[in-house]
């Protein structure tokens, strides 16, 4: 295939299909939250747009001089959310009452609307979402932790290896 035909196909077949594909949050926040993975994949297109996202709060809210930082997770994809002080002054949103998830419990599930920034000049050039509104959608719940037989065998093997190494250390340290 010649180079001219490849360029023709690229310009008139592939690009029009890609440019008309639906992008989450492109027309502004809707009632359906945007997927965090799709949001990050389409960061260039969504830069400066207003989005609605939701996910599990991971870690604890971090106080900053002009607001709070939250980290949310959806399907293994995290996103930093900045909640400015005016949003916290209203009394509707109290970040200190939110619990982040850990290995023992899930965190609060929250829905956030705000402006998406691919490169946030205000916060050192990082990808983030500046929240206009935060809404709690679900409370934390305990996680069930299951230990498999394979994990127990591996733990026993490690304990035996540690004991052998300790005995060797004591034997050589005594000389």
Protein backbone atom coordinates (compact mmCIF):
# COMPACT_ATOMS: atom_id res chain seq x y z
CA UNK A 1 0.00 0.00 0.00
CA UNK A 2 1.46 3.32 -0.93
CA UNK A 3 2.04 6.16 1.47
CA UNK A 4 -0.61 8.33 -0.22
CA UNK A 5 -3.33 5.72 0.31
CA UNK A 6 -2.32 5.33 3.98
CA UNK A 7 -2.51 9.09 4.51
CA UNK A 8 -5.88 9.21 2.73
CA UNK A 9 -7.28 6.45 4.96
CA UNK A 10 -5.95 8.13 8.07
CA UNK A 11 -7.37 11.55 7.22
CA UNK A 12 -10.75 10.54 5.84
CA UNK A 13 -11.61 7.26 7.55
CA UNK A 14 -9.89 6.87 10.93
CA UNK A 15 -9.83 10.47 12.21
CA UNK A 16 -13.53 11.23 11.60
CA UNK A 17 -14.48 8.06 13.50
CA UNK A 18 -12.20 8.91 16.44
CA UNK A 19 -13.30 12.55 16.59
CA UNK A 20 -17.00 11.65 16.74
CA UNK A 21 -16.57 9.04 19.49
CA UNK A 22 -18.28 9.86 22.77
CA UNK A 23 -15.99 11.15 25.47
CA UNK A 24 -17.15 11.10 29.10
CA UNK A 25 -17.97 14.52 30.47
CA UNK A 26 -17.50 16.28 27.13
CA UNK A 27 -20.82 18.07 27.24
CA UNK A 28 -20.50 18.98 30.93
CA UNK A 29 -21.51 17.08 34.02
CA UNK A 30 -24.38 14.71 33.51
CA UNK A 31 -26.35 12.58 35.92
CA UNK A 32 -24.12 9.61 35.01
CA UNK A 33 -20.63 9.77 36.55
CA UNK A 34 -17.64 9.53 34.23
CA UNK A 35 -15.35 6.52 34.58
CA UNK A 36 -12.04 7.53 36.18
CA UNK A 37 -10.00 5.38 33.79
CA UNK A 38 -11.72 6.92 30.74
CA UNK A 39 -11.32 10.38 32.27
CA UNK A 40 -7.58 9.92 32.68
CA UNK A 41 -7.22 8.36 29.22
CA UNK A 42 -9.01 11.37 27.69
CA UNK A 43 -7.27 13.96 29.89
CA UNK A 44 -6.26 16.16 26.94
CA UNK A 45 -9.82 16.40 25.64
CA UNK A 46 -11.40 16.84 29.08
CA UNK A 47 -8.95 19.45 30.38
CA UNK A 48 -10.89 22.39 31.85
CA UNK A 49 -14.27 20.65 31.50
CA UNK A 50 -16.77 20.17 34.30
CA UNK A 51 -17.13 16.50 35.32
CA UNK A 52 -19.12 14.28 37.63
CA UNK A 53 -17.12 11.37 39.09
CA UNK A 54 -17.63 8.99 41.95
CA UNK A 55 -15.54 6.49 43.83
CA UNK A 56 -14.32 5.20 47.16
CA UNK A 57 -12.37 7.57 49.35
CA UNK A 58 -8.93 6.07 49.96
CA UNK A 59 -6.67 7.37 52.67
CA UNK A 60 -7.73 10.18 54.98
CA UNK A 61 -8.61 13.73 53.87
CA UNK A 62 -5.50 15.92 53.94
CA UNK A 63 -5.80 19.52 55.08
CA UNK A 64 -4.13 22.14 52.86
CA UNK A 65 -3.83 25.89 53.41
CA UNK A 66 -6.71 26.64 51.06
CA UNK A 67 -8.83 23.49 51.28
CA UNK A 68 -8.64 19.68 51.51
CA UNK A 69 -7.23 16.90 49.34
CA UNK A 70 -9.19 13.71 48.83
CA UNK A 71 -8.14 10.64 46.87
CA UNK A 72 -10.85 8.57 45.27
CA UNK A 73 -10.57 5.15 43.66
CA UNK A 74 -12.77 3.50 41.07
CA UNK A 75 -11.91 0.11 39.55
CA UNK A 76 -8.26 0.44 40.54
CA UNK A 77 -7.90 3.92 39.08
CA UNK A 78 -7.17 6.77 41.56
CA UNK A 79 -7.81 10.50 41.18
CA UNK A 80 -6.78 13.41 43.41
CA UNK A 81 -9.65 15.77 44.27
CA UNK A 82 -9.06 19.24 45.67
CA UNK A 83 -11.92 20.69 47.73
CA UNK A 84 -11.37 24.45 48.19
CA UNK A 85 -12.11 26.17 51.51
CA UNK A 86 -15.32 27.96 50.34
CA UNK A 87 -16.89 24.55 49.68
CA UNK A 88 -16.00 23.43 53.21
CA UNK A 89 -17.21 26.66 54.88
CA UNK A 90 -20.82 26.00 53.92
CA UNK A 91 -21.09 23.26 56.53
CA UNK A 92 -22.53 20.88 53.94
CA UNK A 93 -19.20 19.16 53.44
CA UNK A 94 -17.06 18.23 56.44
CA UNK A 95 -13.96 16.37 55.24
CA UNK A 96 -12.84 15.52 58.78
CA UNK A 97 -15.89 13.24 59.13
CA UNK A 98 -15.00 11.19 56.05
CA UNK A 99 -13.20 7.88 56.50
CA UNK A 100 -10.80 6.58 53.92
CA UNK A 101 -10.59 2.94 53.02
CA UNK A 102 -7.87 0.58 54.15
CA UNK A 103 -7.39 -3.19 54.25
CA UNK A 104 -9.94 -3.55 57.09
CA UNK A 105 -12.79 -1.40 55.73
CA UNK A 106 -14.01 0.36 52.61
CA UNK A 107 -13.98 4.14 52.66
CA UNK A 108 -16.91 6.48 52.20
CA UNK A 109 -18.19 6.47 48.63
CA UNK A 110 -18.48 10.01 47.33
CA UNK A 111 -19.78 11.77 44.22
CA UNK A 112 -17.80 14.83 43.13
CA UNK A 113 -18.61 17.52 40.56
CA UNK A 114 -15.87 19.89 39.53
CA UNK A 115 -13.38 21.17 37.00
CA UNK A 116 -10.92 18.60 35.64
CA UNK A 117 -7.30 19.74 35.22
CA UNK A 118 -4.81 17.73 33.19
CA UNK A 119 -1.96 19.99 34.34
CA UNK A 120 -2.98 22.03 37.38
CA UNK A 121 -0.75 25.10 37.60
CA UNK A 122 -2.05 25.87 41.10
CA UNK A 123 -0.92 22.48 42.44
CA UNK A 124 2.45 21.84 40.82
CA UNK A 125 1.31 20.56 37.42
CA UNK A 126 -0.48 17.44 38.65
CA UNK A 127 -3.64 15.93 37.21
CA UNK A 128 -6.55 16.69 39.55
CA UNK A 129 -10.18 17.64 39.92
CA UNK A 130 -11.18 20.90 41.64
CA UNK A 131 -14.44 20.12 43.39
CA UNK A 132 -17.49 22.36 43.22
CA UNK A 133 -19.61 19.88 45.14
CA UNK A 134 -19.06 16.70 47.15
CA UNK A 135 -21.84 14.32 48.10
CA UNK A 136 -21.54 11.17 50.20
CA UNK A 137 -23.24 8.21 48.49
CA UNK A 138 -22.39 5.28 50.82
CA UNK A 139 -20.95 4.68 54.28
CA UNK A 140 -17.83 2.64 55.03
CA UNK A 141 -18.25 -1.07 55.61
CA UNK A 142 -15.96 -3.81 56.94
CA UNK A 143 -13.98 -5.84 54.43
CA UNK A 144 -13.91 -9.60 54.67
CA UNK A 145 -10.38 -10.93 54.60
CA UNK A 146 -9.95 -14.52 53.48
CA UNK A 147 -6.69 -16.39 53.87
CA UNK A 148 -6.08 -19.27 51.50
CA UNK A 149 -4.29 -22.52 52.32
CA UNK A 150 -1.52 -21.50 49.92
CA UNK A 151 -0.94 -18.27 51.84
CA UNK A 152 -0.77 -20.18 55.13
CA UNK A 153 1.78 -22.62 53.67
CA UNK A 154 3.86 -19.72 52.39
CA UNK A 155 3.73 -18.08 55.83
CA UNK A 156 4.86 -21.33 57.50
CA UNK A 157 7.72 -21.67 55.00
CA UNK A 158 8.86 -18.12 55.72
CA UNK A 159 8.75 -18.76 59.47
CA UNK A 160 10.89 -21.90 59.09
CA UNK A 161 13.36 -20.01 56.88
CA UNK A 162 13.58 -17.19 59.42
CA UNK A 163 14.21 -19.69 62.23
CA UNK A 164 16.97 -21.42 60.24
CA UNK A 165 18.62 -18.08 59.44
CA UNK A 166 18.42 -17.04 63.09
CA UNK A 167 20.04 -20.31 64.21
CA UNK A 168 22.81 -19.90 61.63
CA UNK A 169 23.37 -16.32 62.79
CA UNK A 170 23.62 -17.38 66.44
CA UNK A 171 25.96 -20.22 65.55
CA UNK A 172 28.33 -17.99 63.55
CA UNK A 173 28.10 -15.06 65.99
CA UNK A 174 29.27 -17.27 68.87
CA UNK A 175 32.63 -18.02 67.16
